[in-house]
Amino acid sequence: SLPGTNASVAARWASSSPSDLSMAATQQLNPNADVLKSGQASLMNINAARGLQDVLKSNLGPKGTLKMLVGGAGDIKLTKDGNTLLHEMQIQNPTACMIARIATAQDDITGDGTTSAVLVVGEMMKQAERHLSDGVHPRLLCEGIELAKTSLLEYIDRTALDKDCADRDLLLQIAQCSLRTKMHRELADMFTAICVDAVLTIRKPDTPLDLHMVEIMHMQHKAGTDSRLVKGLVLDHGGRHPGMPKQLSKVRVLTINYDLEYMRSEVNSGFYYSNAEEREKMVQAERKWVDDKTKLIIDLKRKACGEGETMVVINQKGIDPLALDLLAKEGILALRRAKRRNMERITLACGGEQVNSIDDMTPEVLGYAEEVSEQTLGEETYTFLEGVSNPFSCTILIKGAHPHVISQIKEAVRDGLRAVSNAVTDGQLLPGAGGIEVLCHAHLMEYRKKMQGRAKLGVQTFADALLVIPKTLADNAGYDAQDALLKLQEEQEAGSPKVGLDVETGEPLDPCAAGLWDNFRVKRQMLDSAAVIAAQLLLVDEVIRAGKQMKKG
């Protein structure tokens, strides 16, 4: 029959594969659409996941290397934090972009585990590639992965170790594990104590931890080792009068939210005068209003402050120059236009309460601090409130010689605080140093023996993917990955507790005895999200680049 007849068209359709028909259908809907068919789509997803894995692989663990990120304007950032890398890198590949987004969500929820999540997803895709090339349908693999995930989460819930997470020594071990993977050892060990003490300071019995009560301040000054924890507050502004004292001890703290400057009336009103004396009277009346309010504060100081005591006034609103002058003559340090978040912290740290009306002030509304001092660096002025009576708020003061050093420390400290906070909240821990992954692999291999059919392959894929963590730890420490892994598995099979990898010697160690812990919620969330991402990517059979421009408005 002729090429254009109905019979030849029907024959061509009959000989076409379903994916060809699908592609043809998409091309019919939109001739400009770029379509990747099932084999190509899977390959693209697998290569993207493995590419992202290769980028982050060298950063894992305390022996991981740093990445240097150079911005468009030439600004430099040195980091080994997976979350920062994924946020700051410009990722073009759509699959890699999706993995990065879900992995950074892991950091938002639990504060850690971003690099591990990317590595496990990449390894799972790599293991799945073998089975897909043998003709196994991705749906069967996904069912196996889903069953493995459910069994694994139950196993982790069972094997999590209940610990007294209010014990400072244990919290120091947890913070040390987190911080040593983010910055060099000397700095990490110093910030370990700072992070633990900060969380224990803000901890209230029977109340959820609020890490917003830990203020992180930074100064470009001296070296990172000069950083410290201030059990009190550091405010990033100082007194606004040259005659005010710079160093005070035994200080009563008054926090107010009240205008100590002349306020315009809310209605449009006009005042008329016929001579200079009337104008002078009106100016005096305006001035008297502010002066009377200021004198109320001075009277409170004289009434409340004993021998050797003085007062600091911290106002959320303005204080005019003449009022500042009156307060300075009385030896009172006054700070105006304080930030609202600082106002909440001041009452938590120093005690007392915030006053919104000056007329009914009593000595009971005053807080107390042992020392208040001002420090000026360049154009910046900082006020330190230390030795507070009942600190439920504190400040971590980070110092560093360069902006990139400060930003690296800030990211690490945030992760350290979250690690300690997670431990205190959960009350449960898992063995670290790759130990929990070795135990989970052994559990899944036992679980696989009980299964029937090709879902076994999905369980095998998930189990083998977990071993990427101990292998990468060994690799980054300069040891042979296979050799180290075999030793760990032999110890596990013998029933030994030495299932973790010692990165100093490359030999197995008992992570619990060595004080190497993983956060329960971080690991649980990481394994859950990694299985979900991998299963979703394996089920993609076609990538169509034909979407509308998603512009807002």
Protein backbone atom coordinates (compact mmCIF):
# COMPACT_ATOMS: atom_id res chain seq x y z
CA SER A 1 0.00 0.00 0.00
CA LEU A 2 1.07 3.62 -0.51
CA PRO A 3 3.00 5.34 2.32
CA GLY A 4 0.17 7.77 3.04
CA THR A 5 -2.73 5.29 3.11
CA ASN A 6 -4.66 4.44 6.28
CA ALA A 7 -3.30 0.86 6.26
CA SER A 8 0.36 1.98 6.39
CA VAL A 9 -0.38 4.51 9.17
CA ALA A 10 -2.12 1.79 11.21
CA ALA A 11 0.86 -0.53 10.70
CA ARG A 12 3.29 2.15 11.92
CA TRP A 13 1.15 2.78 15.05
CA ALA A 14 0.95 -0.96 15.72
CA SER A 15 4.75 -1.33 15.57
CA SER A 16 5.39 1.70 17.87
CA SER A 17 6.29 1.16 21.52
CA PRO A 18 4.07 2.74 24.26
CA SER A 19 6.82 5.27 25.08
CA ASP A 20 7.05 6.31 21.42
CA LEU A 21 3.27 6.83 21.39
CA SER A 22 3.49 8.86 24.61
CA MET A 23 6.24 11.00 23.13
CA ALA A 24 4.26 11.46 19.94
CA ALA A 25 1.22 12.50 21.98
CA THR A 26 3.24 15.14 23.84
CA GLN A 27 4.75 16.42 20.57
CA GLN A 28 1.22 16.64 19.12
CA LEU A 29 0.09 18.76 22.08
CA ASN A 30 3.15 21.01 21.94
CA PRO A 31 5.56 20.72 18.96
CA ASN A 32 8.19 22.76 20.89
CA ALA A 33 8.27 20.40 23.89
CA ASP A 34 11.56 18.66 24.78
CA VAL A 35 10.80 15.08 25.82
CA LEU A 36 13.09 12.52 27.46
CA LYS A 37 11.69 8.98 27.21
CA SER A 38 11.71 6.39 30.02
CA GLY A 39 15.28 5.10 29.66
CA GLN A 40 16.73 8.57 29.14
CA ALA A 41 14.60 10.08 31.94
CA SER A 42 15.80 7.46 34.44
CA LEU A 43 19.38 7.92 33.31
CA MET A 44 19.13 11.70 33.71
CA ASN A 45 17.74 11.35 37.25
CA ILE A 46 20.37 8.79 38.23
CA ASN A 47 23.24 10.88 36.83
CA ALA A 48 21.94 14.04 38.55
CA ALA A 49 21.66 12.27 41.93
CA ARG A 50 25.14 10.76 41.54
CA GLY A 51 26.57 14.12 40.42
CA LEU A 52 25.24 15.85 43.52
CA GLN A 53 26.52 12.95 45.63
CA ASP A 54 30.04 13.32 44.17
CA VAL A 55 30.07 17.06 44.94
CA LEU A 56 29.11 16.64 48.63
CA LYS A 57 30.87 13.31 49.25
CA SER A 58 34.22 14.80 50.26
CA ASN A 59 32.60 17.05 52.92
CA LEU A 60 31.21 14.29 55.16
CA GLY A 61 32.58 13.76 58.65
CA PRO A 62 35.29 15.37 60.77
CA LYS A 63 37.95 14.63 58.13
CA GLY A 64 35.89 16.15 55.28
CA THR A 65 37.36 18.86 53.06
CA LEU A 66 36.15 22.44 52.54
CA LYS A 67 34.51 23.96 49.47
CA MET A 68 35.22 27.51 48.36
CA LEU A 69 32.18 29.28 46.94
CA VAL A 70 32.93 32.41 44.88
CA GLY A 71 29.98 34.76 44.30
CA GLY A 72 29.30 36.90 41.23
CA ALA A 73 30.82 39.95 42.94
CA GLY A 74 33.93 37.98 43.90
CA ASP A 75 32.93 37.43 47.55
CA ILE A 76 34.33 34.19 48.99
CA LYS A 77 32.71 31.68 51.33
CA LEU A 78 34.55 28.66 52.78
CA THR A 79 32.24 25.93 54.07
CA LYS A 80 31.75 22.20 54.47
CA ASP A 81 28.13 22.50 55.64
CA GLY A 82 25.90 20.64 53.16
CA ASN A 83 22.94 22.94 53.77
CA THR A 84 24.98 26.08 52.97
CA LEU A 85 26.46 24.48 49.84
CA LEU A 86 23.08 23.44 48.46
CA HIS A 87 21.60 26.88 49.23
CA GLU A 88 24.47 28.88 47.77
CA MET A 89 25.35 26.78 44.68
CA GLN A 90 23.55 27.59 41.44
CA ILE A 91 22.12 24.21 40.39
CA GLN A 92 20.74 24.07 36.84
CA ASN A 93 19.73 20.41 36.56
CA PRO A 94 16.01 20.05 37.56
CA THR A 95 16.51 16.68 39.32
CA ALA A 96 19.53 17.88 41.29
CA CYS A 97 17.57 21.02 42.19
CA MET A 98 14.69 18.91 43.55
CA ILE A 99 17.04 16.73 45.63
CA ALA A 100 18.74 19.88 46.98
CA ARG A 101 15.41 21.43 48.02
CA ILE A 102 14.24 18.32 49.88
CA ALA A 103 17.66 17.86 51.53
CA THR A 104 17.67 21.49 52.74
CA ALA A 105 14.16 20.92 54.14
CA GLN A 106 15.83 18.20 56.27
CA ASP A 107 18.05 20.93 57.76
CA ASP A 108 15.08 23.24 58.39
CA ILE A 109 13.22 20.48 60.28
CA THR A 110 16.07 18.93 62.30
CA GLY A 111 19.11 21.19 61.87
CA ASP A 112 21.50 18.58 60.39
CA GLY A 113 21.82 15.55 58.12
CA THR A 114 21.74 17.35 54.74
CA THR A 115 24.94 15.83 53.34
CA SER A 116 23.97 12.32 54.55
CA ALA A 117 20.53 12.61 52.88
CA VAL A 118 22.09 13.56 49.51
CA LEU A 119 24.67 10.73 49.75
CA VAL A 120 22.05 8.07 50.55
CA VAL A 121 19.76 9.25 47.70
CA GLY A 122 22.68 9.24 45.23
CA GLU A 123 23.79 5.77 46.32
CA MET A 124 20.23 4.42 46.18
CA MET A 125 19.88 5.63 42.58
CA LYS A 126 23.27 4.09 41.74
CA GLN A 127 22.23 0.71 43.20
CA ALA A 128 18.84 0.89 41.43
CA GLU A 129 20.57 1.47 38.07
CA ARG A 130 21.91 -2.12 38.09
CA HIS A 131 18.42 -3.58 38.49
CA LEU A 132 16.82 -1.19 35.95
CA SER A 133 19.42 -2.18 33.34
CA ASP A 134 18.46 -5.84 33.96
CA GLY A 135 14.86 -4.98 33.03
CA VAL A 136 13.33 -4.78 36.56
CA HIS A 137 10.31 -2.45 36.60
CA PRO A 138 10.89 0.65 38.78
CA ARG A 139 7.50 0.12 40.50
CA LEU A 140 8.77 -3.19 41.98
CA LEU A 141 11.92 -1.50 43.26
CA CYS A 142 9.87 1.31 44.83
CA GLU A 143 7.60 -1.17 46.61
CA GLY A 144 10.70 -2.88 48.06
CA ILE A 145 12.19 0.49 49.13
CA GLU A 146 8.89 1.46 50.80
CA LEU A 147 8.72 -1.85 52.73
CA ALA A 148 12.39 -1.48 53.73
CA LYS A 149 11.76 2.09 54.95
CA THR A 150 8.80 1.04 57.13
CA SER A 151 10.76 -1.85 58.66
CA LEU A 152 13.83 0.36 59.19
CA LEU A 153 11.94 3.15 61.00
CA GLU A 154 10.39 0.56 63.35
CA TYR A 155 13.89 -0.87 63.99
CA ILE A 156 15.33 2.59 64.78
CA ASP A 157 12.44 3.35 67.16
CA ARG A 158 13.19 0.05 68.94
CA THR A 159 16.98 0.40 69.12
CA ALA A 160 17.24 4.10 70.08
CA LEU A 161 19.06 4.39 73.41
CA ASP A 162 17.24 6.24 76.21
CA LYS A 163 19.70 8.61 77.86
CA ASP A 164 19.64 11.28 80.53
CA CYS A 165 19.97 14.18 78.10
CA ALA A 166 20.14 16.77 80.88
CA ASP A 167 23.64 15.45 81.73
CA ARG A 168 26.17 18.12 80.70
CA ASP A 169 28.96 15.63 79.87
CA LEU A 170 26.69 13.72 77.48
CA LEU A 171 25.52 16.96 75.82
CA LEU A 172 29.18 17.98 75.38
CA GLN A 173 29.80 14.73 73.46
CA ILE A 174 26.75 15.37 71.21
CA ALA A 175 27.73 18.99 70.46
CA GLN A 176 31.33 17.92 69.80
CA CYS A 177 30.19 15.30 67.23
CA SER A 178 28.17 17.94 65.38
CA LEU A 179 30.70 20.79 65.52
CA ARG A 180 33.79 18.75 64.59
CA THR A 181 32.18 17.97 61.24
CA LYS A 182 31.73 21.73 60.54
CA MET A 183 35.01 23.41 61.58
CA HIS A 184 38.54 22.63 62.70
CA ARG A 185 39.11 20.78 65.95
CA GLU A 186 40.43 23.54 68.24
CA LEU A 187 37.54 25.92 67.48
CA ALA A 188 34.98 23.10 67.58
CA ASP A 189 36.07 22.02 71.07
CA MET A 190 35.81 25.60 72.35
CA PHE A 191 32.33 26.16 70.91
CA THR A 192 31.16 22.76 72.25
CA ALA A 193 31.00 24.11 75.82
CA ILE A 194 29.51 27.42 74.61
CA CYS A 195 26.61 25.69 72.77
CA VAL A 196 25.83 23.30 75.64
CA ASP A 197 25.88 26.06 78.29
CA ALA A 198 23.70 28.28 76.08
CA VAL A 199 21.00 25.57 75.76
CA LEU A 200 21.16 24.72 79.49
CA THR A 201 20.83 28.45 80.31
CA ILE A 202 17.57 28.91 78.38
CA ARG A 203 16.12 25.53 79.42
CA LYS A 204 12.99 25.79 81.57
CA PRO A 205 11.36 22.71 83.13
CA ASP A 206 8.21 21.46 81.33
CA THR A 207 8.56 24.11 78.59
CA PRO A 208 9.69 23.49 74.98
CA LEU A 209 13.13 24.91 74.21
CA ASP A 210 13.06 28.21 72.31
CA LEU A 211 16.42 28.72 70.58
CA HIS A 212 15.37 32.27 69.65
CA MET A 213 16.30 33.12 73.23
CA VAL A 214 19.95 32.52 72.27
CA GLU A 215 21.13 35.63 70.45
CA ILE A 216 24.11 35.11 68.12
CA MET A 217 26.14 38.34 67.80
CA HIS A 218 29.35 38.77 65.84
CA MET A 219 32.25 41.19 65.96
CA GLN A 220 35.00 41.45 63.36
CA HIS A 221 37.67 41.60 66.02
CA LYS A 222 40.68 39.52 67.17
CA ALA A 223 40.40 35.73 66.54
CA GLY A 224 37.70 33.04 66.64
CA THR A 225 39.15 31.68 69.89
CA ASP A 226 38.20 34.94 71.65
CA SER A 227 34.49 34.14 71.20
CA ARG A 228 32.54 33.58 74.41
CA LEU A 229 29.13 32.97 75.95
CA VAL A 230 27.61 35.98 77.69
CA LYS A 231 25.06 34.82 80.29
CA GLY A 232 23.09 37.96 79.76
CA LEU A 233 22.81 40.19 76.72
CA VAL A 234 24.91 42.01 74.17
CA LEU A 235 23.04 44.91 72.58
CA ASP A 236 24.34 46.33 69.30
CA HIS A 237 23.95 49.97 70.36
CA GLY A 238 25.16 52.15 73.22
CA GLY A 239 24.36 55.33 75.15
CA ARG A 240 23.60 58.40 73.08
CA HIS A 241 25.21 61.02 75.34
CA PRO A 242 28.97 61.64 75.76
CA GLY A 243 28.60 62.33 79.48
CA MET A 244 27.03 58.94 80.31
CA PRO A 245 29.12 56.34 82.20
CA LYS A 246 30.72 53.55 80.13
CA GLN A 247 31.27 51.03 82.95
CA LEU A 248 28.73 50.33 85.71
CA SER A 249 28.47 47.72 88.44
CA LYS A 250 25.51 46.64 90.63
CA VAL A 251 22.98 47.92 88.14
CA ARG A 252 19.18 48.09 88.37
CA VAL A 253 17.70 47.70 84.86
CA LEU A 254 14.56 49.60 83.82
CA THR A 255 12.99 48.53 80.50
CA ILE A 256 10.34 50.93 79.18
CA ASN A 257 8.29 51.35 76.07
CA TYR A 258 7.46 55.02 76.39
CA ASP A 259 8.23 58.19 74.40
CA LEU A 260 10.55 60.51 76.33
CA GLU A 261 10.38 63.20 73.67
CA TYR A 262 7.73 65.74 72.76
CA MET A 263 4.92 64.04 70.79
CA ARG A 264 2.80 65.84 68.26
CA SER A 265 -0.92 65.67 68.89
CA GLU A 266 -2.87 63.14 66.83
CA VAL A 267 -5.34 65.76 65.58
CA ASN A 268 -4.40 68.74 63.44
CA SER A 269 -4.39 71.52 66.01
CA GLY A 270 -2.96 75.01 65.79
CA PHE A 271 -1.55 77.20 68.59
CA TYR A 272 -1.48 80.94 68.18
CA TYR A 273 0.43 83.50 70.20
CA SER A 274 0.57 87.28 70.01
CA ASN A 275 3.94 88.00 71.64
CA ALA A 276 7.30 86.39 72.52
CA GLU A 277 6.35 85.74 76.16
CA GLU A 278 3.33 83.60 75.18
CA ARG A 279 5.53 81.62 72.77
CA GLU A 280 8.10 81.08 75.54
CA LYS A 281 5.36 79.79 77.89
CA MET A 282 4.18 77.30 75.24
CA VAL A 283 7.75 76.03 74.67
CA GLN A 284 8.20 75.63 78.45
CA ALA A 285 4.90 73.73 78.73
CA GLU A 286 6.03 71.32 75.99
CA ARG A 287 9.42 70.90 77.68
CA LYS A 288 7.87 70.47 81.14
CA TRP A 289 5.88 67.42 79.95
CA VAL A 290 9.08 65.52 79.01
CA ASP A 291 11.03 66.81 82.02
CA ASP A 292 8.33 65.63 84.46
CA LYS A 293 8.43 62.11 82.99
CA THR A 294 12.24 62.07 83.14
CA LYS A 295 12.18 63.22 86.78
CA LEU A 296 9.87 60.29 87.62
CA ILE A 297 12.65 57.94 86.41
CA ILE A 298 15.28 59.86 88.44
CA ASP A 299 13.02 59.68 91.54
CA LEU A 300 12.66 55.90 91.05
CA LYS A 301 16.46 55.58 90.87
CA ARG A 302 16.89 57.50 94.13
CA LYS A 303 14.22 55.38 95.82
CA ALA A 304 15.22 51.92 94.50
CA CYS A 305 19.01 52.08 94.28
CA GLY A 306 20.96 51.48 97.46
CA GLU A 307 24.55 52.38 98.31
CA GLY A 308 26.90 51.70 95.36
CA GLU A 309 24.01 50.83 93.00
CA THR A 310 23.11 52.67 89.83
CA MET A 311 20.58 52.40 86.99
CA VAL A 312 20.36 51.65 83.27
CA VAL A 313 17.31 52.73 81.24
CA ILE A 314 16.57 50.80 78.04
CA ASN A 315 13.76 52.35 76.01
CA GLN A 316 12.11 50.87 72.93
CA LYS A 317 11.09 54.38 71.84
CA GLY A 318 12.95 57.70 71.67
CA ILE A 319 14.63 59.84 74.35
CA ASP A 320 15.31 63.48 73.38
CA PRO A 321 18.72 65.15 73.96
CA LEU A 322 17.59 67.28 76.93
CA ALA A 323 16.15 64.22 78.70
CA LEU A 324 19.42 62.35 78.00
CA ASP A 325 21.28 65.27 79.57
CA LEU A 326 19.17 65.07 82.75
CA LEU A 327 19.76 61.30 83.01
CA ALA A 328 23.52 61.68 82.36
CA LYS A 329 23.83 64.23 85.21
CA GLU A 330 22.28 61.61 87.53
CA GLY A 331 24.84 58.97 86.35
CA ILE A 332 22.20 56.88 84.53
CA LEU A 333 23.11 55.09 81.28
CA ALA A 334 20.19 55.40 78.84
CA LEU A 335 19.76 53.44 75.58
CA ARG A 336 17.04 54.47 73.16
CA ARG A 337 15.32 52.74 70.21
CA ALA A 338 16.21 49.23 71.41
CA LYS A 339 15.04 46.35 69.21
CA ARG A 340 11.83 44.65 70.26
CA ARG A 341 13.37 41.16 70.38
CA ASN A 342 16.03 42.51 72.76
CA MET A 343 13.34 44.02 74.99
CA GLU A 344 11.76 40.57 75.45
CA ARG A 345 15.15 39.04 76.22
CA ILE A 346 16.15 41.73 78.73
CA THR A 347 13.21 40.96 81.04
CA LEU A 348 13.90 37.20 80.71
CA ALA A 349 17.59 37.63 81.48
CA CYS A 350 17.59 40.40 84.10
CA GLY A 351 14.18 39.84 85.67
CA GLY A 352 11.71 42.68 86.25
CA GLU A 353 9.06 43.63 83.71
CA GLN A 354 8.63 46.01 80.82
CA VAL A 355 6.85 49.27 81.73
CA ASN A 356 4.41 50.88 79.29
CA SER A 357 3.30 53.70 81.58
CA ILE A 358 5.82 55.71 83.59
CA ASP A 359 3.30 57.01 86.15
CA ASP A 360 2.87 53.75 88.10
CA MET A 361 6.49 52.56 88.38
CA THR A 362 7.60 50.72 91.52
CA PRO A 363 11.01 49.21 92.45
CA GLU A 364 9.54 45.73 91.71
CA VAL A 365 9.60 46.41 87.91
CA LEU A 366 13.42 46.73 87.92
CA GLY A 367 15.72 43.92 86.81
CA TYR A 368 19.29 43.43 88.03
CA ALA A 369 22.69 42.98 86.38
CA GLU A 370 26.06 42.74 88.11
CA GLU A 371 27.92 44.61 85.37
CA VAL A 372 26.99 46.81 82.40
CA SER A 373 29.74 48.02 80.06
CA GLU A 374 30.11 49.65 76.66
CA GLN A 375 32.65 48.59 74.04
CA THR A 376 33.31 50.48 70.80
CA LEU A 377 34.76 48.83 67.68
CA GLY A 378 35.20 51.22 64.79
CA GLU A 379 31.79 52.83 64.29
CA GLU A 380 29.89 50.09 66.14
CA THR A 381 29.05 50.35 69.85
CA TYR A 382 28.06 47.29 71.91
CA THR A 383 26.54 47.23 75.40
CA PHE A 384 27.16 44.16 77.60
CA LEU A 385 24.74 43.22 80.40
CA GLU A 386 26.44 40.50 82.47
CA GLY A 387 26.01 38.75 85.81
CA VAL A 388 22.22 38.74 85.55
CA SER A 389 20.18 37.24 88.40
CA ASN A 390 17.97 34.73 86.58
CA PRO A 391 19.19 34.13 83.01
CA PHE A 392 16.64 32.51 80.68
CA SER A 393 18.27 34.25 77.72
CA CYS A 394 21.91 34.51 76.68
CA THR A 395 24.18 35.72 73.88
CA ILE A 396 26.88 33.86 71.97
CA LEU A 397 29.46 36.46 70.99
CA ILE A 398 31.39 35.30 67.92
CA LYS A 399 34.66 37.00 67.06
CA GLY A 400 36.74 36.49 63.94
CA ALA A 401 39.34 38.27 61.84
CA HIS A 402 37.52 37.87 58.49
CA PRO A 403 33.86 37.87 57.44
CA HIS A 404 34.11 34.35 55.91
CA VAL A 405 35.53 32.97 59.20
CA ILE A 406 32.64 34.55 61.12
CA SER A 407 30.00 33.17 58.71
CA GLN A 408 31.53 29.65 58.91
CA ILE A 409 31.46 29.77 62.74
CA LYS A 410 27.87 31.11 62.79
CA GLU A 411 26.60 28.23 60.61
CA ALA A 412 28.42 25.67 62.76
CA VAL A 413 27.11 27.18 66.02
CA ARG A 414 23.52 27.11 64.74
CA ASP A 415 23.91 23.38 63.95
CA GLY A 416 25.55 22.73 67.32
CA LEU A 417 22.69 24.44 69.17
CA ARG A 418 20.12 22.41 67.20
CA ALA A 419 21.99 19.15 67.94
CA VAL A 420 21.97 19.83 71.71
CA SER A 421 18.36 21.03 71.60
CA ASN A 422 17.26 17.88 69.67
CA ALA A 423 18.96 15.63 72.24
CA VAL A 424 17.33 17.44 75.18
CA THR A 425 13.91 17.28 73.48
CA ASP A 426 14.14 13.63 72.29
CA GLY A 427 15.85 12.04 75.29
CA GLN A 428 17.05 9.34 72.85
CA LEU A 429 20.29 8.87 70.89
CA LEU A 430 21.74 6.55 68.23
CA PRO A 431 25.34 5.31 67.91
CA GLY A 432 27.35 7.56 65.55
CA ALA A 433 30.55 7.12 63.48
CA GLY A 434 28.60 5.14 60.82
CA GLY A 435 27.50 2.59 63.46
CA ILE A 436 23.74 2.98 63.05
CA GLU A 437 24.06 2.54 59.25
CA VAL A 438 25.97 -0.76 59.71
CA LEU A 439 23.29 -2.01 62.15
CA CYS A 440 20.48 -0.91 59.81
CA HIS A 441 22.12 -2.71 56.86
CA ALA A 442 22.33 -5.94 58.90
CA HIS A 443 18.67 -5.57 59.94
CA LEU A 444 17.51 -5.08 56.31
CA MET A 445 19.51 -8.10 55.11
CA GLU A 446 17.70 -10.22 57.74
CA TYR A 447 14.37 -8.67 56.72
CA ARG A 448 15.12 -9.47 53.05
CA LYS A 449 15.38 -13.20 53.84
CA LYS A 450 11.75 -13.22 55.02
CA MET A 451 10.46 -11.64 51.79
CA GLN A 452 9.19 -13.25 48.63
CA GLY A 453 9.48 -12.08 45.02
CA ARG A 454 11.19 -9.17 43.34
CA ALA A 455 10.45 -6.64 46.13
CA LYS A 456 13.62 -8.18 47.65
CA LEU A 457 15.60 -6.17 45.12
CA GLY A 458 14.22 -2.88 46.49
CA VAL A 459 15.19 -3.91 50.05
CA GLN A 460 18.67 -4.89 48.81
CA THR A 461 18.98 -1.48 47.06
CA PHE A 462 18.11 0.44 50.27
CA ALA A 463 20.38 -1.74 52.45
CA ASP A 464 23.43 -1.32 50.18
CA ALA A 465 22.79 2.44 49.87
CA LEU A 466 23.09 2.90 53.67
CA LEU A 467 26.70 1.68 53.61
CA VAL A 468 27.74 4.80 51.67
CA ILE A 469 28.05 6.67 55.01
CA PRO A 470 30.74 4.46 56.67
CA LYS A 471 32.47 4.02 53.28
CA THR A 472 32.66 7.79 52.73
CA LEU A 473 33.88 8.40 56.31
CA ALA A 474 36.74 5.92 55.68
CA ASP A 475 37.45 7.42 52.25
CA ASN A 476 37.66 10.99 53.57
CA ALA A 477 39.98 9.90 56.40
CA GLY A 478 42.36 8.39 53.81
CA TYR A 479 41.65 4.68 54.45
CA ASP A 480 40.53 1.93 52.07
CA ALA A 481 36.71 2.07 52.10
CA GLN A 482 36.05 -1.63 51.33
CA ASP A 483 38.61 -2.82 53.87
CA ALA A 484 37.18 -0.61 56.63
CA LEU A 485 33.59 -1.66 55.78
CA LEU A 486 34.41 -5.38 55.86
CA LYS A 487 35.99 -4.99 59.32
CA LEU A 488 32.85 -3.18 60.61
CA GLN A 489 30.54 -5.86 59.18
CA GLU A 490 32.66 -8.67 60.67
CA GLU A 491 32.46 -6.99 64.11
CA GLN A 492 28.69 -6.59 63.76
CA GLU A 493 28.22 -10.25 62.75
CA ALA A 494 30.29 -11.33 65.76
CA GLY A 495 27.86 -9.38 68.02
CA SER A 496 30.55 -6.87 69.02
CA PRO A 497 29.55 -3.28 69.90
CA LYS A 498 32.46 -2.03 67.73
CA VAL A 499 30.31 -1.01 64.77
CA GLY A 500 31.63 2.57 64.37
CA LEU A 501 34.65 3.71 62.40
CA ASP A 502 37.57 5.38 64.18
CA VAL A 503 38.64 8.08 61.69
CA GLU A 504 42.02 8.43 63.43
CA THR A 505 43.09 4.78 62.97
CA GLY A 506 40.65 3.35 60.40
CA GLU A 507 39.79 0.52 62.83
CA PRO A 508 36.35 -0.37 64.31
CA LEU A 509 35.39 1.22 67.64
CA ASP A 510 32.44 1.21 70.02
CA PRO A 511 30.76 4.58 69.27
CA CYS A 512 28.81 4.61 72.57
CA ALA A 513 31.96 4.11 74.66
CA ALA A 514 33.84 6.73 72.58
CA GLY A 515 31.01 9.24 73.05
CA LEU A 516 30.13 9.46 69.33
CA TRP A 517 26.38 9.99 69.03
CA ASP A 518 23.85 10.77 66.33
CA ASN A 519 20.62 12.64 66.97
CA PHE A 520 17.61 10.31 66.87
CA ARG A 521 15.31 12.70 64.99
CA VAL A 522 18.02 13.69 62.46
CA LYS A 523 18.73 10.08 61.43
CA ARG A 524 15.05 9.12 61.37
CA GLN A 525 14.12 12.09 59.21
CA MET A 526 17.12 11.54 56.91
CA LEU A 527 16.29 7.87 56.20
CA ASP A 528 12.61 8.68 55.71
CA SER A 529 13.17 11.57 53.28
CA ALA A 530 15.96 9.76 51.35
CA ALA A 531 13.66 6.77 50.65
CA VAL A 532 10.80 9.06 49.55
CA ILE A 533 12.99 11.12 47.16
CA ALA A 534 14.62 8.05 45.60
CA ALA A 535 11.27 6.28 45.09
CA GLN A 536 9.77 9.37 43.44
CA LEU A 537 12.74 9.82 41.09
CA LEU A 538 12.73 6.13 40.07
CA LEU A 539 9.07 6.38 39.06
CA VAL A 540 9.72 9.26 36.62
CA ASP A 541 9.34 7.80 33.13
CA GLU A 542 9.24 11.00 31.09
CA VAL A 543 10.73 14.47 31.49
CA ILE A 544 8.82 17.11 29.50
CA ARG A 545 10.28 20.58 29.23
CA ALA A 546 7.23 22.46 28.00
CA GLY A 547 5.90 24.27 31.07
CA LYS A 548 4.48 27.78 31.03
CA GLN A 549 6.56 30.59 32.45
CA MET A 550 5.56 30.68 36.12
CA LYS A 551 5.61 34.43 36.68
CA LYS A 552 3.95 36.00 39.68
CA GLY A 553 1.08 38.34 39.04
